[in-house]
Amino acid sequence: GTGMEFNSHPGQEFNYVLAGTLMVVVAGHEVTLNEGDSIFFDANYQHAMKALNEKPAQFLAIIV
């Protein structure tokens, strides 16, 4: 498996990558974000994220 833990919740979610590289999967769509990149999505969809390159990643998550 992917080892990713999926969840969903009401609202909209904004993630901004502060450091590292983050893979984000939303409703089956996979996106790779690097430092300075961001994503905004409907959090009702199943979503998960994980750090890539065997390094930690830091990101800011805002849910509205």
N, C-alpha and C. Protein backbone atom coordinates (compact mmCIF):
# COMPACT_ATOMS: atom_id res chain seq x y z
N GLY A 1 0.82 -1.21 0.00
CA GLY A 1 0.00 0.00 0.00
C GLY A 1 0.85 1.25 0.00
N THR A 2 0.18 2.38 0.00
CA THR A 2 0.87 3.67 -0.07
C THR A 2 1.38 4.10 1.31
N GLY A 3 0.82 3.50 2.36
CA GLY A 3 1.18 3.93 3.70
C GLY A 3 0.59 5.28 4.07
N MET A 4 -0.32 5.78 3.22
CA MET A 4 -0.92 7.09 3.47
C MET A 4 -2.24 6.91 4.19
N GLU A 5 -2.50 7.81 5.11
CA GLU A 5 -3.75 7.78 5.86
C GLU A 5 -4.69 8.83 5.30
N PHE A 6 -5.78 8.37 4.69
CA PHE A 6 -6.74 9.28 4.06
C PHE A 6 -7.80 9.73 5.06
N ASN A 7 -8.25 10.95 4.90
CA ASN A 7 -9.37 11.43 5.70
C ASN A 7 -10.18 12.42 4.88
N SER A 8 -11.32 12.79 5.41
CA SER A 8 -12.15 13.82 4.79
C SER A 8 -12.89 14.52 5.91
N HIS A 9 -13.24 15.76 5.68
CA HIS A 9 -13.95 16.55 6.68
C HIS A 9 -14.61 17.73 5.99
N PRO A 10 -15.60 18.33 6.62
CA PRO A 10 -16.26 19.48 6.00
C PRO A 10 -15.31 20.64 5.79
N GLY A 11 -15.59 21.45 4.78
CA GLY A 11 -14.85 22.69 4.57
C GLY A 11 -13.90 22.66 3.40
N GLN A 12 -13.16 23.75 3.28
CA GLN A 12 -12.13 23.91 2.26
C GLN A 12 -10.78 23.86 2.97
N GLU A 13 -9.76 23.31 2.29
CA GLU A 13 -8.44 23.22 2.92
C GLU A 13 -7.39 23.85 2.01
N PHE A 14 -6.50 24.62 2.63
CA PHE A 14 -5.38 25.25 1.94
C PHE A 14 -4.10 24.74 2.60
N ASN A 15 -3.19 24.20 1.80
CA ASN A 15 -1.89 23.74 2.31
C ASN A 15 -0.79 24.52 1.61
N TYR A 16 0.16 25.02 2.38
CA TYR A 16 1.32 25.75 1.84
C TYR A 16 2.58 25.07 2.35
N VAL A 17 3.46 24.67 1.44
CA VAL A 17 4.65 23.93 1.82
C VAL A 17 5.75 24.90 2.26
N LEU A 18 6.16 24.76 3.52
CA LEU A 18 7.21 25.61 4.09
C LEU A 18 8.60 25.05 3.81
N ALA A 19 8.73 23.72 3.82
CA ALA A 19 10.03 23.08 3.60
C ALA A 19 9.80 21.66 3.11
N GLY A 20 10.70 21.18 2.26
CA GLY A 20 10.64 19.81 1.78
C GLY A 20 9.73 19.65 0.57
N THR A 21 9.40 18.41 0.26
CA THR A 21 8.54 18.06 -0.87
C THR A 21 7.41 17.19 -0.35
N LEU A 22 6.20 17.53 -0.74
CA LEU A 22 5.01 16.88 -0.21
C LEU A 22 4.18 16.32 -1.36
N MET A 23 3.81 15.05 -1.25
CA MET A 23 2.86 14.49 -2.21
C MET A 23 1.48 14.58 -1.59
N VAL A 24 0.56 15.18 -2.33
CA VAL A 24 -0.82 15.33 -1.87
C VAL A 24 -1.72 14.56 -2.83
N VAL A 25 -2.61 13.74 -2.28
CA VAL A 25 -3.59 13.02 -3.09
C VAL A 25 -4.97 13.49 -2.65
N VAL A 26 -5.74 14.01 -3.61
CA VAL A 26 -7.11 14.46 -3.34
C VAL A 26 -8.03 13.78 -4.35
N ALA A 27 -8.98 13.01 -3.86
CA ALA A 27 -9.97 12.33 -4.71
C ALA A 27 -9.28 11.55 -5.83
N GLY A 28 -8.17 10.90 -5.50
CA GLY A 28 -7.48 10.08 -6.47
C GLY A 28 -6.50 10.82 -7.38
N HIS A 29 -6.44 12.14 -7.26
CA HIS A 29 -5.51 12.94 -8.07
C HIS A 29 -4.26 13.23 -7.25
N GLU A 30 -3.10 12.93 -7.82
CA GLU A 30 -1.82 13.07 -7.10
C GLU A 30 -1.08 14.32 -7.58
N VAL A 31 -0.62 15.12 -6.62
CA VAL A 31 0.12 16.34 -6.93
C VAL A 31 1.37 16.37 -6.06
N THR A 32 2.49 16.76 -6.65
CA THR A 32 3.73 16.92 -5.88
C THR A 32 3.99 18.40 -5.68
N LEU A 33 4.14 18.80 -4.42
CA LEU A 33 4.37 20.21 -4.08
C LEU A 33 5.76 20.37 -3.48
N ASN A 34 6.45 21.41 -3.92
CA ASN A 34 7.76 21.75 -3.38
C ASN A 34 7.65 22.98 -2.50
N GLU A 35 8.72 23.32 -1.82
CA GLU A 35 8.74 24.50 -0.95
C GLU A 35 8.22 25.72 -1.71
N GLY A 36 7.25 26.41 -1.11
CA GLY A 36 6.66 27.60 -1.72
C GLY A 36 5.40 27.30 -2.53
N ASP A 37 5.12 26.02 -2.80
CA ASP A 37 3.91 25.66 -3.54
C ASP A 37 2.72 25.56 -2.59
N SER A 38 1.52 25.65 -3.16
CA SER A 38 0.32 25.52 -2.34
C SER A 38 -0.78 24.82 -3.12
N ILE A 39 -1.79 24.37 -2.38
CA ILE A 39 -2.95 23.72 -2.98
C ILE A 39 -4.18 24.11 -2.17
N PHE A 40 -5.31 24.24 -2.86
CA PHE A 40 -6.58 24.57 -2.22
C PHE A 40 -7.61 23.59 -2.74
N PHE A 41 -8.32 22.91 -1.85
CA PHE A 41 -9.26 21.88 -2.30
C PHE A 41 -10.42 21.72 -1.34
N ASP A 42 -11.46 21.05 -1.84
CA ASP A 42 -12.64 20.73 -1.05
C ASP A 42 -12.30 19.56 -0.13
N ALA A 43 -12.27 19.80 1.16
CA ALA A 43 -11.84 18.79 2.13
C ALA A 43 -12.85 17.67 2.33
N ASN A 44 -14.04 17.79 1.72
CA ASN A 44 -15.00 16.70 1.76
C ASN A 44 -14.50 15.49 0.96
N TYR A 45 -13.59 15.73 0.01
CA TYR A 45 -12.99 14.63 -0.75
C TYR A 45 -11.96 13.91 0.10
N GLN A 46 -11.79 12.62 -0.12
CA GLN A 46 -10.74 11.86 0.57
C GLN A 46 -9.39 12.46 0.18
N HIS A 47 -8.54 12.71 1.17
CA HIS A 47 -7.24 13.29 0.88
C HIS A 47 -6.20 12.80 1.88
N ALA A 48 -4.95 12.85 1.44
CA ALA A 48 -3.83 12.43 2.27
C ALA A 48 -2.57 13.09 1.72
N MET A 49 -1.53 13.13 2.55
CA MET A 49 -0.26 13.67 2.10
C MET A 49 0.88 12.94 2.76
N LYS A 50 2.04 12.96 2.11
CA LYS A 50 3.23 12.39 2.72
C LYS A 50 4.47 13.07 2.16
N ALA A 51 5.50 13.14 2.99
CA ALA A 51 6.76 13.73 2.59
C ALA A 51 7.49 12.79 1.64
N LEU A 52 8.21 13.37 0.68
CA LEU A 52 8.96 12.59 -0.29
C LEU A 52 10.46 12.72 -0.06
N ASN A 53 11.22 11.97 -0.83
CA ASN A 53 12.70 12.02 -0.82
C ASN A 53 13.30 11.61 0.52
N GLU A 54 12.54 10.81 1.30
CA GLU A 54 13.02 10.35 2.61
C GLU A 54 13.48 11.49 3.52
N LYS A 55 12.82 12.64 3.36
CA LYS A 55 13.12 13.81 4.19
C LYS A 55 11.80 14.35 4.74
N PRO A 56 11.85 14.96 5.92
CA PRO A 56 10.61 15.54 6.46
C PRO A 56 10.16 16.75 5.63
N ALA A 57 8.88 17.01 5.69
CA ALA A 57 8.32 18.20 5.04
C ALA A 57 7.51 18.95 6.08
N GLN A 58 7.51 20.26 5.95
CA GLN A 58 6.70 21.10 6.83
C GLN A 58 5.71 21.85 5.97
N PHE A 59 4.45 21.88 6.40
CA PHE A 59 3.45 22.65 5.66
C PHE A 59 2.45 23.28 6.61
N LEU A 60 1.89 24.36 6.15
CA LEU A 60 0.85 25.08 6.88
C LEU A 60 -0.48 24.64 6.31
N ALA A 61 -1.40 24.20 7.17
CA ALA A 61 -2.73 23.79 6.72
C ALA A 61 -3.76 24.75 7.33
N ILE A 62 -4.59 25.32 6.47
CA ILE A 62 -5.66 26.20 6.92
C ILE A 62 -6.97 25.61 6.44
N ILE A 63 -7.89 25.36 7.36
CA ILE A 63 -9.18 24.78 7.02
C ILE A 63 -10.27 25.80 7.35
N VAL A 64 -11.10 26.08 6.34
CA VAL A 64 -12.19 27.06 6.54
C VAL A 64 -13.53 26.45 6.20
